[in-house]
Amino acid sequence: MNTVFTFGFKLAELLNQNDAVGLGLLSLAIKDAGKDSQQMGYQDFKDVFQNQLKARLKRANVSNIDQVTDALLKHLNETQSLFTMSVR
């Protein structure tokens, strides 16, 4: 499971945009956090969603930032067991 694609596609769905937009915004947020997407764990994604992604969404003039990030955090929690297995 490639977690960046999983969350990038979910972000695109939440924003009603194509997959490239979701992947791009998430990738930039990860870069803003100074993280390596291949080494990120649960807490890293949670931090990126709550901080850097919110800032990126604000710059992109997204109006429902809190709903989008809350939905991503919910998706992160729902897929936590699969996420944990794929990181190992």
PDB file of N, CA and C in Angstrom:
ATOM      1  N   MET A   1       0.853  -1.182   0.000  1.00  0.00           N
ATOM      2  CA  MET A   1       0.000   0.000   0.000  1.00  0.00           C
ATOM      3  C   MET A   1       0.893   1.237   0.000  1.00  0.00           C
ATOM      4  N   ASN A   2       0.751   2.059  -0.997  1.00  0.00           N
ATOM      5  CA  ASN A   2       1.493   3.305  -1.030  1.00  0.00           C
ATOM      6  C   ASN A   2       0.643   4.366  -0.336  1.00  0.00           C
ATOM      7  N   THR A   3       1.074   4.762   0.828  1.00  0.00           N
ATOM      8  CA  THR A   3       0.269   5.654   1.660  1.00  0.00           C
ATOM      9  C   THR A   3       0.078   7.031   1.050  1.00  0.00           C
ATOM     10  N   VAL A   4       1.063   7.540   0.337  1.00  0.00           N
ATOM     11  CA  VAL A   4       0.919   8.858  -0.281  1.00  0.00           C
ATOM     12  C   VAL A   4      -0.188   8.814  -1.335  1.00  0.00           C
ATOM     13  N   PHE A   5      -0.222   7.763  -2.137  1.00  0.00           N
ATOM     14  CA  PHE A   5      -1.291   7.641  -3.126  1.00  0.00           C
ATOM     15  C   PHE A   5      -2.644   7.468  -2.443  1.00  0.00           C
ATOM     16  N   THR A   6      -2.690   6.647  -1.415  1.00  0.00           N
ATOM     17  CA  THR A   6      -3.948   6.415  -0.700  1.00  0.00           C
ATOM     18  C   THR A   6      -4.519   7.725  -0.175  1.00  0.00           C
ATOM     19  N   PHE A   7      -3.712   8.495   0.518  1.00  0.00           N
ATOM     20  CA  PHE A   7      -4.197   9.749   1.099  1.00  0.00           C
ATOM     21  C   PHE A   7      -4.324  10.855   0.059  1.00  0.00           C
ATOM     22  N   GLY A   8      -3.489  10.842  -0.963  1.00  0.00           N
ATOM     23  CA  GLY A   8      -3.605  11.819  -2.040  1.00  0.00           C
ATOM     24  C   GLY A   8      -4.899  11.645  -2.818  1.00  0.00           C
ATOM     25  N   PHE A   9      -5.259  10.385  -3.107  1.00  0.00           N
ATOM     26  CA  PHE A   9      -6.517  10.112  -3.810  1.00  0.00           C
ATOM     27  C   PHE A   9      -7.712  10.496  -2.947  1.00  0.00           C
ATOM     28  N   LYS A  10      -7.621  10.216  -1.649  1.00  0.00           N
ATOM     29  CA  LYS A  10      -8.713  10.586  -0.734  1.00  0.00           C
ATOM     30  C   LYS A  10      -8.836  12.112  -0.666  1.00  0.00           C
ATOM     31  N   LEU A  11      -7.718  12.809  -0.611  1.00  0.00           N
ATOM     32  CA  LEU A  11      -7.739  14.267  -0.593  1.00  0.00           C
ATOM     33  C   LEU A  11      -8.391  14.810  -1.862  1.00  0.00           C
ATOM     34  N   ALA A  12      -8.052  14.251  -3.009  1.00  0.00           N
ATOM     35  CA  ALA A  12      -8.660  14.686  -4.274  1.00  0.00           C
ATOM     36  C   ALA A  12     -10.168  14.470  -4.250  1.00  0.00           C
ATOM     37  N   GLU A  13     -10.579  13.339  -3.732  1.00  0.00           N
ATOM     38  CA  GLU A  13     -12.013  13.047  -3.616  1.00  0.00           C
ATOM     39  C   GLU A  13     -12.709  14.082  -2.734  1.00  0.00           C
ATOM     40  N   LEU A  14     -12.110  14.393  -1.600  1.00  0.00           N
ATOM     41  CA  LEU A  14     -12.698  15.360  -0.670  1.00  0.00           C
ATOM     42  C   LEU A  14     -12.767  16.762  -1.262  1.00  0.00           C
ATOM     43  N   LEU A  15     -11.825  17.083  -2.127  1.00  0.00           N
ATOM     44  CA  LEU A  15     -11.778  18.404  -2.755  1.00  0.00           C
ATOM     45  C   LEU A  15     -12.553  18.458  -4.073  1.00  0.00           C
ATOM     46  N   ASN A  16     -13.091  17.310  -4.497  1.00  0.00           N
ATOM     47  CA  ASN A  16     -13.769  17.221  -5.800  1.00  0.00           C
ATOM     48  C   ASN A  16     -12.853  17.662  -6.936  1.00  0.00           C
ATOM     49  N   GLN A  17     -11.611  17.185  -6.866  1.00  0.00           N
ATOM     50  CA  GLN A  17     -10.593  17.493  -7.875  1.00  0.00           C
ATOM     51  C   GLN A  17     -10.044  16.189  -8.445  1.00  0.00           C
ATOM     52  N   ASN A  18      -9.210  16.295  -9.466  1.00  0.00           N
ATOM     53  CA  ASN A  18      -8.611  15.070 -10.000  1.00  0.00           C
ATOM     54  C   ASN A  18      -7.481  14.604  -9.078  1.00  0.00           C
ATOM     55  N   ASP A  19      -7.070  13.361  -9.288  1.00  0.00           N
ATOM     56  CA  ASP A  19      -6.072  12.739  -8.410  1.00  0.00           C
ATOM     57  C   ASP A  19      -4.761  13.514  -8.354  1.00  0.00           C
ATOM     58  N   ALA A  20      -4.358  14.125  -9.464  1.00  0.00           N
ATOM     59  CA  ALA A  20      -3.088  14.866  -9.499  1.00  0.00           C
ATOM     60  C   ALA A  20      -3.096  16.035  -8.516  1.00  0.00           C
ATOM     61  N   VAL A  21      -4.234  16.679  -8.355  1.00  0.00           N
ATOM     62  CA  VAL A  21      -4.338  17.806  -7.414  1.00  0.00           C
ATOM     63  C   VAL A  21      -4.129  17.310  -5.988  1.00  0.00           C
ATOM     64  N   GLY A  22      -4.807  16.230  -5.631  1.00  0.00           N
ATOM     65  CA  GLY A  22      -4.662  15.681  -4.282  1.00  0.00           C
ATOM     66  C   GLY A  22      -3.249  15.224  -3.996  1.00  0.00           C
ATOM     67  N   LEU A  23      -2.660  14.511  -4.954  1.00  0.00           N
ATOM     68  CA  LEU A  23      -1.281  14.040  -4.776  1.00  0.00           C
ATOM     69  C   LEU A  23      -0.306  15.205  -4.685  1.00  0.00           C
ATOM     70  N   GLY A  24      -0.527  16.213  -5.518  1.00  0.00           N
ATOM     71  CA  GLY A  24       0.361  17.374  -5.514  1.00  0.00           C
ATOM     72  C   GLY A  24       0.314  18.134  -4.203  1.00  0.00           C
ATOM     73  N   LEU A  25      -0.890  18.416  -3.727  1.00  0.00           N
ATOM     74  CA  LEU A  25      -1.022  19.147  -2.457  1.00  0.00           C
ATOM     75  C   LEU A  25      -0.419  18.365  -1.304  1.00  0.00           C
ATOM     76  N   LEU A  26      -0.688  17.063  -1.266  1.00  0.00           N
ATOM     77  CA  LEU A  26      -0.138  16.244  -0.181  1.00  0.00           C
ATOM     78  C   LEU A  26       1.382  16.169  -0.275  1.00  0.00           C
ATOM     79  N   SER A  27       1.904  15.990  -1.465  1.00  0.00           N
ATOM     80  CA  SER A  27       3.366  15.926  -1.644  1.00  0.00           C
ATOM     81  C   SER A  27       4.039  17.221  -1.219  1.00  0.00           C
ATOM     82  N   LEU A  28       3.448  18.345  -1.567  1.00  0.00           N
ATOM     83  CA  LEU A  28       4.005  19.631  -1.149  1.00  0.00           C
ATOM     84  C   LEU A  28       3.947  19.805   0.366  1.00  0.00           C
ATOM     85  N   ALA A  29       2.852  19.352   0.984  1.00  0.00           N
ATOM     86  CA  ALA A  29       2.735  19.443   2.441  1.00  0.00           C
ATOM     87  C   ALA A  29       3.792  18.577   3.127  1.00  0.00           C
ATOM     88  N   ILE A  30       4.028  17.402   2.583  1.00  0.00           N
ATOM     89  CA  ILE A  30       5.067  16.521   3.131  1.00  0.00           C
ATOM     90  C   ILE A  30       6.434  17.176   2.985  1.00  0.00           C
ATOM     91  N   LYS A  31       6.680  17.783   1.838  1.00  0.00           N
ATOM     92  CA  LYS A  31       7.947  18.498   1.614  1.00  0.00           C
ATOM     93  C   LYS A  31       8.077  19.657   2.597  1.00  0.00           C
ATOM     94  N   ASP A  32       6.982  20.401   2.812  1.00  0.00           N
ATOM     95  CA  ASP A  32       6.991  21.515   3.780  1.00  0.00           C
ATOM     96  C   ASP A  32       7.380  21.039   5.170  1.00  0.00           C
ATOM     97  N   ALA A  33       6.958  19.826   5.511  1.00  0.00           N
ATOM     98  CA  ALA A  33       7.253  19.268   6.831  1.00  0.00           C
ATOM     99  C   ALA A  33       8.678  18.735   6.929  1.00  0.00           C
ATOM    100  N   GLY A  34       9.380  18.670   5.785  1.00  0.00           N
ATOM    101  CA  GLY A  34      10.742  18.142   5.786  1.00  0.00           C
ATOM    102  C   GLY A  34      10.795  16.644   5.984  1.00  0.00           C
ATOM    103  N   LYS A  35       9.736  15.960   5.568  1.00  0.00           N
ATOM    104  CA  LYS A  35       9.634  14.509   5.769  1.00  0.00           C
ATOM    105  C   LYS A  35       9.964  13.765   4.479  1.00  0.00           C
ATOM    106  N   ASP A  36      10.343  12.504   4.645  1.00  0.00           N
ATOM    107  CA  ASP A  36      10.526  11.577   3.531  1.00  0.00           C
ATOM    108  C   ASP A  36       9.294  10.686   3.501  1.00  0.00           C
ATOM    109  N   SER A  37       8.520  10.756   2.433  1.00  0.00           N
ATOM    110  CA  SER A  37       7.250  10.034   2.370  1.00  0.00           C
ATOM    111  C   SER A  37       7.417   8.528   2.554  1.00  0.00           C
ATOM    112  N   GLN A  38       8.574   7.999   2.193  1.00  0.00           N
ATOM    113  CA  GLN A  38       8.810   6.558   2.334  1.00  0.00           C
ATOM    114  C   GLN A  38       9.093   6.157   3.782  1.00  0.00           C
ATOM    115  N   GLN A  39       9.422   7.121   4.616  1.00  0.00           N
ATOM    116  CA  GLN A  39       9.769   6.840   6.013  1.00  0.00           C
ATOM    117  C   GLN A  39       8.705   7.315   6.995  1.00  0.00           C
ATOM    118  N   MET A  40       7.593   7.802   6.477  1.00  0.00           N
ATOM    119  CA  MET A  40       6.573   8.394   7.346  1.00  0.00           C
ATOM    120  C   MET A  40       5.718   7.334   8.023  1.00  0.00           C
ATOM    121  N   GLY A  41       5.451   7.558   9.297  1.00  0.00           N
ATOM    122  CA  GLY A  41       4.567   6.702  10.058  1.00  0.00           C
ATOM    123  C   GLY A  41       3.246   7.397  10.336  1.00  0.00           C
ATOM    124  N   TYR A  42       2.443   6.754  11.134  1.00  0.00           N
ATOM    125  CA  TYR A  42       1.115   7.265  11.477  1.00  0.00           C
ATOM    126  C   TYR A  42       1.192   8.689  12.030  1.00  0.00           C
ATOM    127  N   GLN A  43       2.037   8.904  13.012  1.00  0.00           N
ATOM    128  CA  GLN A  43       2.136  10.211  13.659  1.00  0.00           C
ATOM    129  C   GLN A  43       2.625  11.285  12.688  1.00  0.00           C
ATOM    130  N   ASP A  44       3.518  10.902  11.778  1.00  0.00           N
ATOM    131  CA  ASP A  44       4.005  11.855  10.775  1.00  0.00           C
ATOM    132  C   ASP A  44       2.867  12.336   9.879  1.00  0.00           C
ATOM    133  N   PHE A  45       2.046  11.400   9.396  1.00  0.00           N
ATOM    134  CA  PHE A  45       0.918  11.793   8.556  1.00  0.00           C
ATOM    135  C   PHE A  45      -0.070  12.649   9.332  1.00  0.00           C
ATOM    136  N   LYS A  46      -0.313  12.282  10.570  1.00  0.00           N
ATOM    137  CA  LYS A  46      -1.232  13.058  11.402  1.00  0.00           C
ATOM    138  C   LYS A  46      -0.739  14.496  11.537  1.00  0.00           C
ATOM    139  N   ASP A  47       0.547  14.665  11.796  1.00  0.00           N
ATOM    140  CA  ASP A  47       1.148  15.995  11.919  1.00  0.00           C
ATOM    141  C   ASP A  47       1.034  16.771  10.606  1.00  0.00           C
ATOM    142  N   VAL A  48       1.335  16.123   9.484  1.00  0.00           N
ATOM    143  CA  VAL A  48       1.262  16.788   8.181  1.00  0.00           C
ATOM    144  C   VAL A  48      -0.167  17.235   7.899  1.00  0.00           C
ATOM    145  N   PHE A  49      -1.155  16.375   8.168  1.00  0.00           N
ATOM    146  CA  PHE A  49      -2.557  16.733   7.923  1.00  0.00           C
ATOM    147  C   PHE A  49      -2.984  17.918   8.780  1.00  0.00           C
ATOM    148  N   GLN A  50      -2.561  17.926  10.029  1.00  0.00           N
ATOM    149  CA  GLN A  50      -3.010  18.957  10.970  1.00  0.00           C
ATOM    150  C   GLN A  50      -2.281  20.287  10.800  1.00  0.00           C
ATOM    151  N   ASN A  51      -1.127  20.267  10.214  1.00  0.00           N
ATOM    152  CA  ASN A  51      -0.326  21.496  10.134  1.00  0.00           C
ATOM    153  C   ASN A  51      -0.031  21.925   8.701  1.00  0.00           C
ATOM    154  N   GLN A  52       0.888  21.256   8.043  1.00  0.00           N
ATOM    155  CA  GLN A  52       1.335  21.694   6.727  1.00  0.00           C
ATOM    156  C   GLN A  52       0.231  21.617   5.666  1.00  0.00           C
ATOM    157  N   LEU A  53      -0.582  20.569   5.703  1.00  0.00           N
ATOM    158  CA  LEU A  53      -1.642  20.466   4.707  1.00  0.00           C
ATOM    159  C   LEU A  53      -2.678  21.564   4.906  1.00  0.00           C
ATOM    160  N   LYS A  54      -3.009  21.860   6.149  1.00  0.00           N
ATOM    161  CA  LYS A  54      -3.948  22.962   6.409  1.00  0.00           C
ATOM    162  C   LYS A  54      -3.424  24.266   5.812  1.00  0.00           C
ATOM    163  N   ALA A  55      -2.144  24.518   5.974  1.00  0.00           N
ATOM    164  CA  ALA A  55      -1.548  25.737   5.420  1.00  0.00           C
ATOM    165  C   ALA A  55      -1.604  25.725   3.891  1.00  0.00           C
ATOM    166  N   ARG A  56      -1.329  24.582   3.277  1.00  0.00           N
ATOM    167  CA  ARG A  56      -1.388  24.469   1.816  1.00  0.00           C
ATOM    168  C   ARG A  56      -2.818  24.686   1.312  1.00  0.00           C
ATOM    169  N   LEU A  57      -3.789  24.118   2.013  1.00  0.00           N
ATOM    170  CA  LEU A  57      -5.186  24.279   1.606  1.00  0.00           C
ATOM    171  C   LEU A  57      -5.638  25.728   1.744  1.00  0.00           C
ATOM    172  N   LYS A  58      -5.134  26.397   2.771  1.00  0.00           N
ATOM    173  CA  LYS A  58      -5.467  27.812   2.954  1.00  0.00           C
ATOM    174  C   LYS A  58      -4.923  28.633   1.789  1.00  0.00           C
ATOM    175  N   ARG A  59      -3.671  28.345   1.391  1.00  0.00           N
ATOM    176  CA  ARG A  59      -3.065  29.054   0.260  1.00  0.00           C
ATOM    177  C   ARG A  59      -3.803  28.782  -1.051  1.00  0.00           C
ATOM    178  N   ALA A  60      -4.447  27.607  -1.126  1.00  0.00           N
ATOM    179  CA  ALA A  60      -5.201  27.238  -2.326  1.00  0.00           C
ATOM    180  C   ALA A  60      -6.646  27.732  -2.265  1.00  0.00           C
ATOM    181  N   ASN A  61      -6.950  28.527  -1.233  1.00  0.00           N
ATOM    182  CA  ASN A  61      -8.290  29.108  -1.059  1.00  0.00           C
ATOM    183  C   ASN A  61      -9.400  28.066  -0.937  1.00  0.00           C
ATOM    184  N   VAL A  62      -9.109  26.964  -0.263  1.00  0.00           N
ATOM    185  CA  VAL A  62     -10.125  25.952   0.014  1.00  0.00           C
ATOM    186  C   VAL A  62     -10.969  26.459   1.175  1.00  0.00           C
ATOM    187  N   SER A  63     -12.277  26.394   1.030  1.00  0.00           N
ATOM    188  CA  SER A  63     -13.156  26.989   2.043  1.00  0.00           C
ATOM    189  C   SER A  63     -13.461  26.054   3.216  1.00  0.00           C
ATOM    190  N   ASN A  64     -13.411  24.763   3.017  1.00  0.00           N
ATOM    191  CA  ASN A  64     -13.781  23.814   4.064  1.00  0.00           C
ATOM    192  C   ASN A  64     -12.566  23.031   4.581  1.00  0.00           C
ATOM    193  N   ILE A  65     -11.544  23.741   4.951  1.00  0.00           N
ATOM    194  CA  ILE A  65     -10.270  23.136   5.362  1.00  0.00           C
ATOM    195  C   ILE A  65     -10.444  22.176   6.536  1.00  0.00           C
ATOM    196  N   ASP A  66     -11.168  22.598   7.560  1.00  0.00           N
ATOM    197  CA  ASP A  66     -11.317  21.741   8.736  1.00  0.00           C
ATOM    198  C   ASP A  66     -12.059  20.446   8.410  1.00  0.00           C
ATOM    199  N   GLN A  67     -13.084  20.518   7.575  1.00  0.00           N
ATOM    200  CA  GLN A  67     -13.812  19.303   7.201  1.00  0.00           C
ATOM    201  C   GLN A  67     -12.925  18.362   6.397  1.00  0.00           C
ATOM    202  N   VAL A  68     -12.122  18.911   5.511  1.00  0.00           N
ATOM    203  CA  VAL A  68     -11.226  18.096   4.691  1.00  0.00           C
ATOM    204  C   VAL A  68     -10.178  17.412   5.562  1.00  0.00           C
ATOM    205  N   THR A  69      -9.532  18.164   6.432  1.00  0.00           N
ATOM    206  CA  THR A  69      -8.486  17.558   7.263  1.00  0.00           C
ATOM    207  C   THR A  69      -9.088  16.591   8.286  1.00  0.00           C
ATOM    208  N   ASP A  70     -10.264  16.899   8.804  1.00  0.00           N
ATOM    209  CA  ASP A  70     -10.926  15.964   9.726  1.00  0.00           C
ATOM    210  C   ASP A  70     -11.255  14.648   9.021  1.00  0.00           C
ATOM    211  N   ALA A  71     -11.715  14.731   7.786  1.00  0.00           N
ATOM    212  CA  ALA A  71     -12.020  13.524   7.018  1.00  0.00           C
ATOM    213  C   ALA A  71     -10.754  12.718   6.730  1.00  0.00           C
ATOM    214  N   LEU A  72      -9.657  13.405   6.437  1.00  0.00           N
ATOM    215  CA  LEU A  72      -8.386  12.694   6.221  1.00  0.00           C
ATOM    216  C   LEU A  72      -7.902  12.022   7.496  1.00  0.00           C
ATOM    217  N   LEU A  73      -8.043  12.704   8.619  1.00  0.00           N
ATOM    218  CA  LEU A  73      -7.650  12.107   9.895  1.00  0.00           C
ATOM    219  C   LEU A  73      -8.523  10.899  10.216  1.00  0.00           C
ATOM    220  N   LYS A  74      -9.803  10.985   9.903  1.00  0.00           N
ATOM    221  CA  LYS A  74     -10.707   9.850  10.115  1.00  0.00           C
ATOM    222  C   LYS A  74     -10.278   8.681   9.234  1.00  0.00           C
ATOM    223  N   HIS A  75      -9.949   8.964   7.975  1.00  0.00           N
ATOM    224  CA  HIS A  75      -9.482   7.926   7.051  1.00  0.00           C
ATOM    225  C   HIS A  75      -8.165   7.316   7.555  1.00  0.00           C
ATOM    226  N   LEU A  76      -7.293   8.141   8.083  1.00  0.00           N
ATOM    227  CA  LEU A  76      -6.040   7.660   8.667  1.00  0.00           C
ATOM    228  C   LEU A  76      -6.322   6.702   9.817  1.00  0.00           C
ATOM    229  N   ASN A  77      -7.248   7.062  10.683  1.00  0.00           N
ATOM    230  CA  ASN A  77      -7.602   6.200  11.814  1.00  0.00           C
ATOM    231  C   ASN A  77      -8.245   4.895  11.351  1.00  0.00           C
ATOM    232  N   GLU A  78      -9.109   4.979  10.330  1.00  0.00           N
ATOM    233  CA  GLU A  78      -9.796   3.787   9.829  1.00  0.00           C
ATOM    234  C   GLU A  78      -8.837   2.806   9.162  1.00  0.00           C
ATOM    235  N   THR A  79      -7.779   3.316   8.564  1.00  0.00           N
ATOM    236  CA  THR A  79      -6.826   2.452   7.856  1.00  0.00           C
ATOM    237  C   THR A  79      -5.547   2.235   8.659  1.00  0.00           C
ATOM    238  N   GLN A  80      -5.586   2.551   9.926  1.00  0.00           N
ATOM    239  CA  GLN A  80      -4.381   2.488  10.752  1.00  0.00           C
ATOM    240  C   GLN A  80      -3.747   1.102  10.753  1.00  0.00           C
ATOM    241  N   SER A  81      -4.540   0.036  10.863  1.00  0.00           N
ATOM    242  CA  SER A  81      -3.942  -1.295  10.929  1.00  0.00           C
ATOM    243  C   SER A  81      -3.276  -1.660   9.606  1.00  0.00           C
ATOM    244  N   LEU A  82      -3.912  -1.355   8.476  1.00  0.00           N
ATOM    245  CA  LEU A  82      -3.290  -1.612   7.178  1.00  0.00           C
ATOM    246  C   LEU A  82      -2.072  -0.732   6.972  1.00  0.00           C
ATOM    247  N   PHE A  83      -2.195   0.510   7.402  1.00  0.00           N
ATOM    248  CA  PHE A  83      -1.111   1.474   7.295  1.00  0.00           C
ATOM    249  C   PHE A  83       0.101   0.982   8.072  1.00  0.00           C
ATOM    250  N   THR A  84      -0.119   0.520   9.297  1.00  0.00           N
ATOM    251  CA  THR A  84       0.966   0.044  10.161  1.00  0.00           C
ATOM    252  C   THR A  84       1.655  -1.170   9.538  1.00  0.00           C
ATOM    253  N   MET A  85       0.871  -2.078   8.971  1.00  0.00           N
ATOM    254  CA  MET A  85       1.454  -3.271   8.351  1.00  0.00           C
ATOM    255  C   MET A  85       2.294  -2.904   7.134  1.00  0.00           C
ATOM    256  N   SER A  86       1.858  -1.915   6.356  1.00  0.00           N
ATOM    257  CA  SER A  86       2.574  -1.576   5.125  1.00  0.00           C
ATOM    258  C   SER A  86       3.877  -0.830   5.408  1.00  0.00           C
ATOM    259  N   VAL A  87       3.967  -0.153   6.537  1.00  0.00           N
ATOM    260  CA  VAL A  87       5.174   0.614   6.866  1.00  0.00           C
ATOM    261  C   VAL A  87       6.296  -0.302   7.306  1.00  0.00           C
ATOM    262  N   ARG A  88       5.966  -1.439   7.865  1.00  0.00           N
ATOM    263  CA  ARG A  88       6.990  -2.355   8.383  1.00  0.00           C
ATOM    264  C   ARG A  88       7.834  -2.968   7.330  1.00  0.00           C
TER     265      ARG A  88
END
